[in-house]
Amino acid sequence: MALYLTRFSYTPETWARLAKNPEDRRDAARSYIESVGGRLHGFWYAFGEYDGYTLWEAPDNVTMAAVSIAISGGGALAKFETTVLLTVEETLEALGRVETVGYRPPGA
């Protein structure tokens, strides 16, 4: 299964609702990914450009895209971005294939 890092920011309305009724959103995040055969590896809040980060494992990109669309379409988030993470082994395999690409820089 592939790993995915998501970065998210809540809307001001979501923060207001959470301030009135605090809840552990890890449970919700876990249920979303487990419903499609994945796993939540971590959930963190942060200072800065994003309010939080999650580390997910999902069967494939289409499955994670479905989770991302469902969450971002729910209206509670101002921003939601997903990054596919590669293992060291996958990166080494990609590096081994670089020479087969035949890239030519512009103007060369």
C-alpha atoms as a PDB file:
ATOM      1  CA  MET A   1       0.000   0.000   0.000  1.00  0.00           C
ATOM      2  CA  ALA A   2       1.103   3.567  -0.662  1.00  0.00           C
ATOM      3  CA  LEU A   3       1.694   6.279   1.940  1.00  0.00           C
ATOM      4  CA  TYR A   4       0.167   9.753   1.721  1.00  0.00           C
ATOM      5  CA  LEU A   5       0.892  12.939   3.634  1.00  0.00           C
ATOM      6  CA  THR A   6      -1.992  15.388   3.864  1.00  0.00           C
ATOM      7  CA  ARG A   7      -1.889  18.990   4.988  1.00  0.00           C
ATOM      8  CA  PHE A   8      -5.101  20.704   6.002  1.00  0.00           C
ATOM      9  CA  SER A   9      -6.479  23.918   7.416  1.00  0.00           C
ATOM     10  CA  TYR A  10      -9.856  24.290   9.076  1.00  0.00           C
ATOM     11  CA  THR A  11     -12.242  27.111   8.250  1.00  0.00           C
ATOM     12  CA  PRO A  12     -12.835  29.697  11.005  1.00  0.00           C
ATOM     13  CA  GLU A  13     -16.332  28.211  11.443  1.00  0.00           C
ATOM     14  CA  THR A  14     -14.867  24.754  12.042  1.00  0.00           C
ATOM     15  CA  TRP A  15     -12.479  26.118  14.691  1.00  0.00           C
ATOM     16  CA  ALA A  16     -15.428  27.864  16.375  1.00  0.00           C
ATOM     17  CA  ARG A  17     -17.423  24.604  16.448  1.00  0.00           C
ATOM     18  CA  LEU A  18     -14.433  22.692  17.844  1.00  0.00           C
ATOM     19  CA  ALA A  19     -13.879  25.370  20.510  1.00  0.00           C
ATOM     20  CA  LYS A  20     -17.492  24.947  21.675  1.00  0.00           C
ATOM     21  CA  ASN A  21     -17.445  21.135  21.389  1.00  0.00           C
ATOM     22  CA  PRO A  22     -13.859  19.828  21.461  1.00  0.00           C
ATOM     23  CA  GLU A  23     -13.398  16.421  19.878  1.00  0.00           C
ATOM     24  CA  ASP A  24     -10.542  14.144  18.917  1.00  0.00           C
ATOM     25  CA  ARG A  25     -10.639  14.215  15.103  1.00  0.00           C
ATOM     26  CA  ARG A  26      -8.233  11.260  14.884  1.00  0.00           C
ATOM     27  CA  ASP A  27     -11.188   8.941  15.354  1.00  0.00           C
ATOM     28  CA  ALA A  28     -13.016  10.486  12.384  1.00  0.00           C
ATOM     29  CA  ALA A  29      -9.883  10.401  10.200  1.00  0.00           C
ATOM     30  CA  ARG A  30      -9.277   6.769  11.138  1.00  0.00           C
ATOM     31  CA  SER A  31     -12.833   5.789  10.219  1.00  0.00           C
ATOM     32  CA  TYR A  32     -12.578   7.489   6.798  1.00  0.00           C
ATOM     33  CA  ILE A  33      -9.440   5.647   5.720  1.00  0.00           C
ATOM     34  CA  GLU A  34     -10.389   2.314   7.296  1.00  0.00           C
ATOM     35  CA  SER A  35     -13.698   2.371   5.406  1.00  0.00           C
ATOM     36  CA  VAL A  36     -11.703   1.979   2.172  1.00  0.00           C
ATOM     37  CA  GLY A  37      -9.161  -0.558   3.432  1.00  0.00           C
ATOM     38  CA  GLY A  38      -6.470   1.896   4.532  1.00  0.00           C
ATOM     39  CA  ARG A  39      -4.806   2.893   7.778  1.00  0.00           C
ATOM     40  CA  LEU A  40      -4.139   6.124   9.662  1.00  0.00           C
ATOM     41  CA  HIS A  41      -0.502   6.250  10.827  1.00  0.00           C
ATOM     42  CA  GLY A  42      -0.575   9.669  12.465  1.00  0.00           C
ATOM     43  CA  PHE A  43      -2.522  12.885  13.010  1.00  0.00           C
ATOM     44  CA  TRP A  44      -0.888  16.101  14.189  1.00  0.00           C
ATOM     45  CA  TYR A  45      -1.904  19.722  14.696  1.00  0.00           C
ATOM     46  CA  ALA A  46       0.631  22.439  13.896  1.00  0.00           C
ATOM     47  CA  PHE A  47       1.418  26.138  13.909  1.00  0.00           C
ATOM     48  CA  GLY A  48       2.027  27.779  10.572  1.00  0.00           C
ATOM     49  CA  GLU A  49       0.553  27.650   7.104  1.00  0.00           C
ATOM     50  CA  TYR A  50      -1.455  24.482   7.840  1.00  0.00           C
ATOM     51  CA  ASP A  51      -3.469  23.564  10.905  1.00  0.00           C
ATOM     52  CA  GLY A  52      -2.688  19.880  10.729  1.00  0.00           C
ATOM     53  CA  TYR A  53      -1.009  16.944   9.041  1.00  0.00           C
ATOM     54  CA  THR A  54      -1.966  13.305   8.624  1.00  0.00           C
ATOM     55  CA  LEU A  55      -0.054  10.259   7.465  1.00  0.00           C
ATOM     56  CA  TRP A  56      -2.266   7.683   5.747  1.00  0.00           C
ATOM     57  CA  GLU A  57      -1.805   4.356   4.037  1.00  0.00           C
ATOM     58  CA  ALA A  58      -4.234   3.498   1.224  1.00  0.00           C
ATOM     59  CA  PRO A  59      -4.482   0.681  -1.314  1.00  0.00           C
ATOM     60  CA  ASP A  60      -3.900   3.014  -4.308  1.00  0.00           C
ATOM     61  CA  ASN A  61      -4.094   6.577  -5.619  1.00  0.00           C
ATOM     62  CA  VAL A  62      -7.729   6.296  -6.706  1.00  0.00           C
ATOM     63  CA  THR A  63      -8.778   5.185  -3.226  1.00  0.00           C
ATOM     64  CA  MET A  64      -6.882   8.047  -1.591  1.00  0.00           C
ATOM     65  CA  ALA A  65      -8.334  10.479  -4.125  1.00  0.00           C
ATOM     66  CA  ALA A  66     -11.830   9.361  -3.104  1.00  0.00           C
ATOM     67  CA  VAL A  67     -11.013   9.986   0.566  1.00  0.00           C
ATOM     68  CA  SER A  68      -9.497  13.382  -0.276  1.00  0.00           C
ATOM     69  CA  ILE A  69     -12.520  14.428  -2.326  1.00  0.00           C
ATOM     70  CA  ALA A  70     -14.946  13.309   0.374  1.00  0.00           C
ATOM     71  CA  ILE A  71     -13.088  15.216   3.094  1.00  0.00           C
ATOM     72  CA  SER A  72     -12.400  18.376   1.117  1.00  0.00           C
ATOM     73  CA  GLY A  73     -15.970  18.437  -0.200  1.00  0.00           C
ATOM     74  CA  GLY A  74     -17.389  18.368   3.310  1.00  0.00           C
ATOM     75  CA  GLY A  75     -16.969  22.104   3.863  1.00  0.00           C
ATOM     76  CA  ALA A  76     -15.023  21.961   7.155  1.00  0.00           C
ATOM     77  CA  LEU A  77     -11.653  22.666   5.570  1.00  0.00           C
ATOM     78  CA  ALA A  78     -10.241  25.764   3.927  1.00  0.00           C
ATOM     79  CA  LYS A  79      -7.290  23.811   2.442  1.00  0.00           C
ATOM     80  CA  PHE A  80      -6.560  20.116   1.890  1.00  0.00           C
ATOM     81  CA  GLU A  81      -3.498  18.891  -0.005  1.00  0.00           C
ATOM     82  CA  THR A  82      -2.239  15.345  -0.516  1.00  0.00           C
ATOM     83  CA  THR A  83       1.326  14.273  -1.309  1.00  0.00           C
ATOM     84  CA  VAL A  84       2.138  10.723  -2.425  1.00  0.00           C
ATOM     85  CA  LEU A  85       5.186   9.499  -0.504  1.00  0.00           C
ATOM     86  CA  LEU A  86       7.754   7.167  -2.060  1.00  0.00           C
ATOM     87  CA  THR A  87       9.773   4.631  -0.116  1.00  0.00           C
ATOM     88  CA  VAL A  88      13.557   4.678  -0.424  1.00  0.00           C
ATOM     89  CA  GLU A  89      13.278   1.477  -2.485  1.00  0.00           C
ATOM     90  CA  GLU A  90      10.782   3.061  -4.897  1.00  0.00           C
ATOM     91  CA  THR A  91      13.031   6.085  -5.273  1.00  0.00           C
ATOM     92  CA  LEU A  92      16.057   3.876  -5.976  1.00  0.00           C
ATOM     93  CA  GLU A  93      14.043   2.023  -8.622  1.00  0.00           C
ATOM     94  CA  ALA A  94      13.048   5.355 -10.203  1.00  0.00           C
ATOM     95  CA  LEU A  95      16.675   6.493 -10.183  1.00  0.00           C
ATOM     96  CA  GLY A  96      17.614   3.285 -11.976  1.00  0.00           C
ATOM     97  CA  ARG A  97      15.150   4.134 -14.750  1.00  0.00           C
ATOM     98  CA  VAL A  98      16.223   7.770 -15.271  1.00  0.00           C
ATOM     99  CA  GLU A  99      18.532   7.035 -18.185  1.00  0.00           C
ATOM    100  CA  THR A 100      15.732   5.324 -20.116  1.00  0.00           C
ATOM    101  CA  VAL A 101      13.627   8.507 -20.174  1.00  0.00           C
ATOM    102  CA  GLY A 102      15.622  10.285 -22.866  1.00  0.00           C
ATOM    103  CA  TYR A 103      15.010  13.796 -21.520  1.00  0.00           C
ATOM    104  CA  ARG A 104      16.358  16.715 -23.560  1.00  0.00           C
ATOM    105  CA  PRO A 105      16.552  20.196 -21.981  1.00  0.00           C
ATOM    106  CA  PRO A 106      14.828  23.030 -23.879  1.00  0.00           C
ATOM    107  CA  GLY A 107      17.057  24.497 -26.572  1.00  0.00           C
ATOM    108  CA  ALA A 108      19.600  21.668 -26.388  1.00  0.00           C
END
